[in-house]
């Protein structure tokens, strides 16, 4: 069966925090139709790789993980802002 793959590289000063926030989701993932890997390149680049058996599975996994990355980045940014 053909494999579909999408690779995203996010550059952020919060890359390590985002990576740590995704780890619990990655460890509990048990979907047989898609696989997700996440790694750091240096201290500022997060690499998210999603592979799936079909485009529907790829889209579903991408929707979930891109949303998680976005939320983690927003929350980390808010948490690290100095008090105004």
C-alpha atoms as a PDB file:
ATOM      1  CA  UNK A   1       0.000   0.000   0.000  1.00  0.00           C
ATOM      2  CA  UNK A   2       1.387   3.468  -0.861  1.00  0.00           C
ATOM      3  CA  UNK A   3       2.690   5.660   1.916  1.00  0.00           C
ATOM      4  CA  UNK A   4       1.975   9.362   2.144  1.00  0.00           C
ATOM      5  CA  UNK A   5       4.317  11.638   4.064  1.00  0.00           C
ATOM      6  CA  UNK A   6       4.409  15.227   5.230  1.00  0.00           C
ATOM      7  CA  UNK A   7       7.371  16.869   6.949  1.00  0.00           C
ATOM      8  CA  UNK A   8       7.147  20.203   8.759  1.00  0.00           C
ATOM      9  CA  UNK A   9      10.003  22.224  10.222  1.00  0.00           C
ATOM     10  CA  UNK A  10       9.020  24.843  12.793  1.00  0.00           C
ATOM     11  CA  UNK A  11      11.533  27.442  13.880  1.00  0.00           C
ATOM     12  CA  UNK A  12      10.731  28.884  17.267  1.00  0.00           C
ATOM     13  CA  UNK A  13      12.551  29.989  20.370  1.00  0.00           C
ATOM     14  CA  UNK A  14      10.064  27.662  22.132  1.00  0.00           C
ATOM     15  CA  UNK A  15      10.944  24.555  20.062  1.00  0.00           C
ATOM     16  CA  UNK A  16      12.181  22.541  23.032  1.00  0.00           C
ATOM     17  CA  UNK A  17       9.119  23.353  25.148  1.00  0.00           C
ATOM     18  CA  UNK A  18       6.804  22.485  22.268  1.00  0.00           C
ATOM     19  CA  UNK A  19       8.652  19.201  21.748  1.00  0.00           C
ATOM     20  CA  UNK A  20       8.311  18.285  25.437  1.00  0.00           C
ATOM     21  CA  UNK A  21       4.604  19.119  25.359  1.00  0.00           C
ATOM     22  CA  UNK A  22       4.065  16.761  22.394  1.00  0.00           C
ATOM     23  CA  UNK A  23       5.914  13.795  23.919  1.00  0.00           C
ATOM     24  CA  UNK A  24       2.961  12.404  25.937  1.00  0.00           C
ATOM     25  CA  UNK A  25       0.788  12.376  22.800  1.00  0.00           C
ATOM     26  CA  UNK A  26       3.521  10.716  20.764  1.00  0.00           C
ATOM     27  CA  UNK A  27       4.090   8.008  23.379  1.00  0.00           C
ATOM     28  CA  UNK A  28       0.378   7.140  23.600  1.00  0.00           C
ATOM     29  CA  UNK A  29      -0.256   7.115  19.832  1.00  0.00           C
ATOM     30  CA  UNK A  30      -1.716   3.756  18.736  1.00  0.00           C
ATOM     31  CA  UNK A  31      -3.155   4.564  15.314  1.00  0.00           C
ATOM     32  CA  UNK A  32      -2.459   1.733  12.861  1.00  0.00           C
ATOM     33  CA  UNK A  33      -3.062   3.928   9.800  1.00  0.00           C
ATOM     34  CA  UNK A  34      -0.568   6.707  10.548  1.00  0.00           C
ATOM     35  CA  UNK A  35       2.721   7.267  12.342  1.00  0.00           C
ATOM     36  CA  UNK A  36       4.118  10.496  13.763  1.00  0.00           C
ATOM     37  CA  UNK A  37       7.681  11.305  14.723  1.00  0.00           C
ATOM     38  CA  UNK A  38       8.964  14.488  16.252  1.00  0.00           C
ATOM     39  CA  UNK A  39      12.532  15.595  16.875  1.00  0.00           C
ATOM     40  CA  UNK A  40      14.607  18.659  17.567  1.00  0.00           C
ATOM     41  CA  UNK A  41      17.234  20.038  15.207  1.00  0.00           C
ATOM     42  CA  UNK A  42      19.350  22.247  17.383  1.00  0.00           C
ATOM     43  CA  UNK A  43      17.567  24.287  20.010  1.00  0.00           C
ATOM     44  CA  UNK A  44      15.200  26.231  17.749  1.00  0.00           C
ATOM     45  CA  UNK A  45      13.859  23.813  15.120  1.00  0.00           C
ATOM     46  CA  UNK A  46      11.154  21.222  15.665  1.00  0.00           C
ATOM     47  CA  UNK A  47      10.709  18.616  12.909  1.00  0.00           C
ATOM     48  CA  UNK A  48       7.345  16.865  12.689  1.00  0.00           C
ATOM     49  CA  UNK A  49       7.015  13.925  10.282  1.00  0.00           C
ATOM     50  CA  UNK A  50       3.673  12.292   9.583  1.00  0.00           C
ATOM     51  CA  UNK A  51       3.305   9.171   7.446  1.00  0.00           C
ATOM     52  CA  UNK A  52       0.025   7.468   6.622  1.00  0.00           C
ATOM     53  CA  UNK A  53      -1.431   4.709   4.508  1.00  0.00           C
ATOM     54  CA  UNK A  54      -3.963   7.009   2.844  1.00  0.00           C
ATOM     55  CA  UNK A  55      -4.659  10.700   2.422  1.00  0.00           C
ATOM     56  CA  UNK A  56      -7.601  10.683   4.844  1.00  0.00           C
ATOM     57  CA  UNK A  57      -5.398   9.353   7.633  1.00  0.00           C
ATOM     58  CA  UNK A  58      -2.660  11.811   6.743  1.00  0.00           C
ATOM     59  CA  UNK A  59      -5.089  14.730   6.886  1.00  0.00           C
ATOM     60  CA  UNK A  60      -6.537  13.625  10.228  1.00  0.00           C
ATOM     61  CA  UNK A  61      -3.103  13.205  11.820  1.00  0.00           C
ATOM     62  CA  UNK A  62      -1.904  16.531  10.408  1.00  0.00           C
ATOM     63  CA  UNK A  63      -4.973  18.354  11.699  1.00  0.00           C
ATOM     64  CA  UNK A  64      -4.393  17.024  15.185  1.00  0.00           C
ATOM     65  CA  UNK A  65      -0.638  17.548  15.428  1.00  0.00           C
ATOM     66  CA  UNK A  66      -0.537  20.931  13.705  1.00  0.00           C
ATOM     67  CA  UNK A  67      -3.221  22.099  16.117  1.00  0.00           C
ATOM     68  CA  UNK A  68      -1.217  20.743  19.075  1.00  0.00           C
ATOM     69  CA  UNK A  69       1.956  22.494  17.882  1.00  0.00           C
ATOM     70  CA  UNK A  70       0.060  25.755  17.456  1.00  0.00           C
ATOM     71  CA  UNK A  71      -1.541  25.585  20.900  1.00  0.00           C
ATOM     72  CA  UNK A  72       1.747  24.619  22.574  1.00  0.00           C
ATOM     73  CA  UNK A  73       3.521  27.538  20.886  1.00  0.00           C
ATOM     74  CA  UNK A  74       0.819  30.015  21.893  1.00  0.00           C
ATOM     75  CA  UNK A  75       0.709  28.821  25.503  1.00  0.00           C
ATOM     76  CA  UNK A  76       4.494  28.773  25.824  1.00  0.00           C
ATOM     77  CA  UNK A  77       4.663  32.295  24.422  1.00  0.00           C
ATOM     78  CA  UNK A  78       2.060  33.546  26.875  1.00  0.00           C
ATOM     79  CA  UNK A  79       3.706  31.788  29.823  1.00  0.00           C
ATOM     80  CA  UNK A  80       7.128  33.268  29.032  1.00  0.00           C
ATOM     81  CA  UNK A  81       5.980  36.866  28.516  1.00  0.00           C
ATOM     82  CA  UNK A  82       7.128  39.226  31.265  1.00  0.00           C
ATOM     83  CA  UNK A  83       4.393  40.700  33.426  1.00  0.00           C
ATOM     84  CA  UNK A  84       3.091  43.965  32.027  1.00  0.00           C
END
